[in-house]
Protein backbone atom coordinates (compact mmCIF):
# COMPACT_ATOMS: atom_id res chain seq x y z
CA MET A 1 -9.73 7.16 -4.09
CA PRO A 2 -8.04 7.18 -7.61
CA ILE A 3 -4.26 7.49 -7.41
CA ALA A 4 -3.08 7.49 -10.74
CA GLY A 5 -6.13 6.89 -12.63
CA ASP A 6 -7.43 3.48 -13.94
CA VAL A 7 -5.68 1.65 -16.71
CA LEU A 8 -8.07 -0.45 -18.65
CA LEU A 9 -7.74 -2.80 -21.62
CA ASP A 10 -10.06 -2.00 -24.53
CA ALA A 11 -12.17 -4.44 -26.34
CA ALA A 12 -9.62 -4.92 -28.99
CA GLY A 13 -6.86 -5.73 -26.57
CA GLY A 14 -5.26 -2.32 -26.57
CA ASN A 15 -4.51 -0.06 -23.77
CA ALA A 16 -6.75 2.86 -22.87
CA PRO A 17 -4.67 5.55 -21.43
CA PHE A 18 -4.51 6.80 -17.60
CA GLU A 19 -6.93 9.29 -16.85
CA SER A 20 -4.18 11.14 -15.00
CA GLY A 21 -0.44 10.52 -14.61
CA LYS A 22 -0.29 12.18 -11.16
CA PRO A 23 -1.72 11.23 -7.74
CA ASP A 24 -5.01 12.87 -6.61
CA MET A 25 -3.81 15.59 -4.31
CA THR A 26 -7.17 17.01 -3.66
CA ALA A 27 -8.53 13.77 -1.69
CA GLN A 28 -8.08 13.72 2.10
CA PRO A 29 -5.31 11.38 3.03
CA PRO A 30 -6.43 8.83 5.56
CA ALA A 31 -5.61 9.73 9.20
CA GLU A 32 -3.90 6.40 9.68
CA PRO A 33 -0.63 6.05 7.69
CA ARG A 34 -1.08 2.10 7.69
CA ALA A 35 -4.43 2.58 5.89
CA ARG A 36 -2.60 4.73 3.34
CA LEU A 37 0.21 2.04 2.87
CA ALA A 38 -2.40 -0.41 2.16
CA GLU A 39 -4.19 1.91 -0.53
CA ILE A 40 -0.83 2.46 -2.09
CA ASP A 41 0.11 -1.38 -1.86
CA ASP A 42 -3.37 -2.13 -3.64
CA ALA A 43 -2.88 0.53 -6.30
CA MET A 44 0.94 -0.72 -7.00
CA ALA A 45 -0.32 -4.18 -7.39
CA SER A 46 -3.03 -3.20 -9.68
CA ILE A 47 -0.76 -1.21 -12.08
CA LYS A 48 1.82 -4.19 -11.95
CA THR A 49 -0.92 -6.47 -12.93
CA GLN A 50 -2.18 -4.54 -15.78
CA ILE A 51 1.46 -3.99 -17.10
CA ALA A 52 1.82 -7.78 -16.87
CA SER A 53 -1.44 -8.30 -18.71
CA ALA A 54 -0.65 -5.81 -21.61
CA ASP A 55 2.87 -7.77 -21.82
CA LEU A 56 0.93 -10.89 -22.07
CA LEU A 57 -1.48 -9.50 -24.69
CA ARG A 58 1.64 -8.30 -26.54
CA GLN A 59 3.21 -11.74 -26.77
CA ALA A 60 -0.16 -13.32 -27.76
CA SER A 61 -0.81 -10.78 -30.59
CA GLY A 62 2.58 -9.76 -31.63
CA LYS A 63 1.50 -6.01 -31.24
CA PRO A 64 3.76 -3.71 -29.43
CA ILE A 65 2.72 -2.05 -26.31
CA ASP A 66 1.69 1.69 -26.74
CA PRO A 67 4.84 3.35 -25.22
CA ARG A 68 3.03 6.51 -23.97
CA TRP A 69 0.72 4.13 -21.79
CA PHE A 70 3.63 2.07 -20.62
CA HIS A 71 5.54 5.32 -19.69
CA ARG A 72 2.51 6.58 -17.87
CA ALA A 73 1.98 3.49 -15.98
CA LYS A 74 5.56 3.28 -14.95
CA THR A 75 5.49 6.84 -13.85
CA ALA A 76 2.41 6.28 -11.64
CA LEU A 77 4.15 3.22 -10.15
CA ARG A 78 7.09 5.37 -9.39
CA HIS A 79 5.14 8.21 -7.81
CA LEU A 80 3.35 5.53 -5.61
CA GLN A 81 6.63 3.76 -4.51
CA ARG A 82 8.01 7.34 -3.69
CA GLU A 83 5.11 8.08 -1.60
CA ARG A 84 5.28 4.62 -0.03
CA ALA A 85 9.06 5.12 0.89
CA GLY A 86 7.97 8.55 2.46
CA LEU A 87 5.52 6.91 4.75
CA VAL A 88 7.69 4.05 5.71
CA GLN A 89 10.49 6.44 6.77
CA GLN A 90 8.08 8.68 8.85
CA PRO A 91 9.22 8.98 12.43
CA ARG A 92 6.75 7.01 14.75
CA PRO A 93 4.38 9.23 16.82
CA ARG A 94 6.08 9.61 20.30
CA ARG A 95 3.13 7.66 22.00
CA GLU A 96 3.78 4.55 19.70
CA ALA A 97 7.60 4.78 20.61
CA VAL A 98 6.70 5.02 24.33
CA LYS A 99 4.38 1.95 23.95
CA ASP A 100 7.23 -0.12 22.25
CA CYS A 101 9.82 0.89 24.92
CA LEU A 102 7.01 -0.02 27.69
CA ILE A 103 6.43 -3.47 26.00
CA ALA A 104 10.13 -4.21 25.77
CA MET A 105 10.74 -3.50 29.23
CA LEU A 106 7.93 -5.63 30.58
CA ARG A 107 8.81 -8.52 28.34
CA GLU A 108 12.42 -8.37 29.81
CA ARG A 109 10.90 -8.42 33.37
CA HIS A 110 8.74 -11.50 32.81
CA ASP A 111 9.16 -15.11 32.03
CA GLU A 112 7.52 -16.54 28.71
CA THR A 113 4.68 -18.01 30.40
CA THR A 114 3.79 -14.89 32.35
CA TRP A 115 4.30 -12.86 29.21
CA SER A 116 1.86 -15.05 27.25
CA GLY A 117 -0.84 -14.77 29.88
CA LEU A 118 -0.57 -10.89 29.87
CA VAL A 119 -0.70 -10.73 26.26
CA ALA A 120 -3.73 -12.94 26.19
CA GLU A 121 -5.29 -10.90 28.78
CA ALA A 122 -4.66 -7.61 26.86
CA HIS A 123 -6.25 -9.18 23.62
CA GLN A 124 -9.37 -10.19 25.68
CA ARG A 125 -9.49 -6.50 26.94
CA ALA A 126 -9.08 -5.18 23.50
CA ASP A 127 -11.84 -7.36 22.21
CA ARG A 128 -14.29 -6.28 24.88
CA GLU A 129 -13.45 -2.75 24.27
CA GLY A 130 -14.05 -3.11 20.54
CA LEU A 131 -10.28 -2.22 19.48
């Protein structure tokens, strides 16, 4: 799913412009916020790598980076950072909050050995059920 278009270096070492400076709002977002966070992190890392690569080429060739390209890259990065912050600050679903409370209560009531056994049993059960 393209988020802000691809940044590509052309054969001459110059920077090809972004396809679009805005996130793709027509695509269906993943149902799982963690999956979307992973996509955003990947896209941000890609943009940062491409900016760094363009800077290395600038240093090696002595030619300046195209300011329009750089502005679009930084704008796309800002959009992704804003979307990521919104996902991180979303309230957790009630079911997740209840699970966390239950885990905290059970952990308080059991010693470390018993707790480790319960966690191991839960992992085995999750593996059997394909979770």
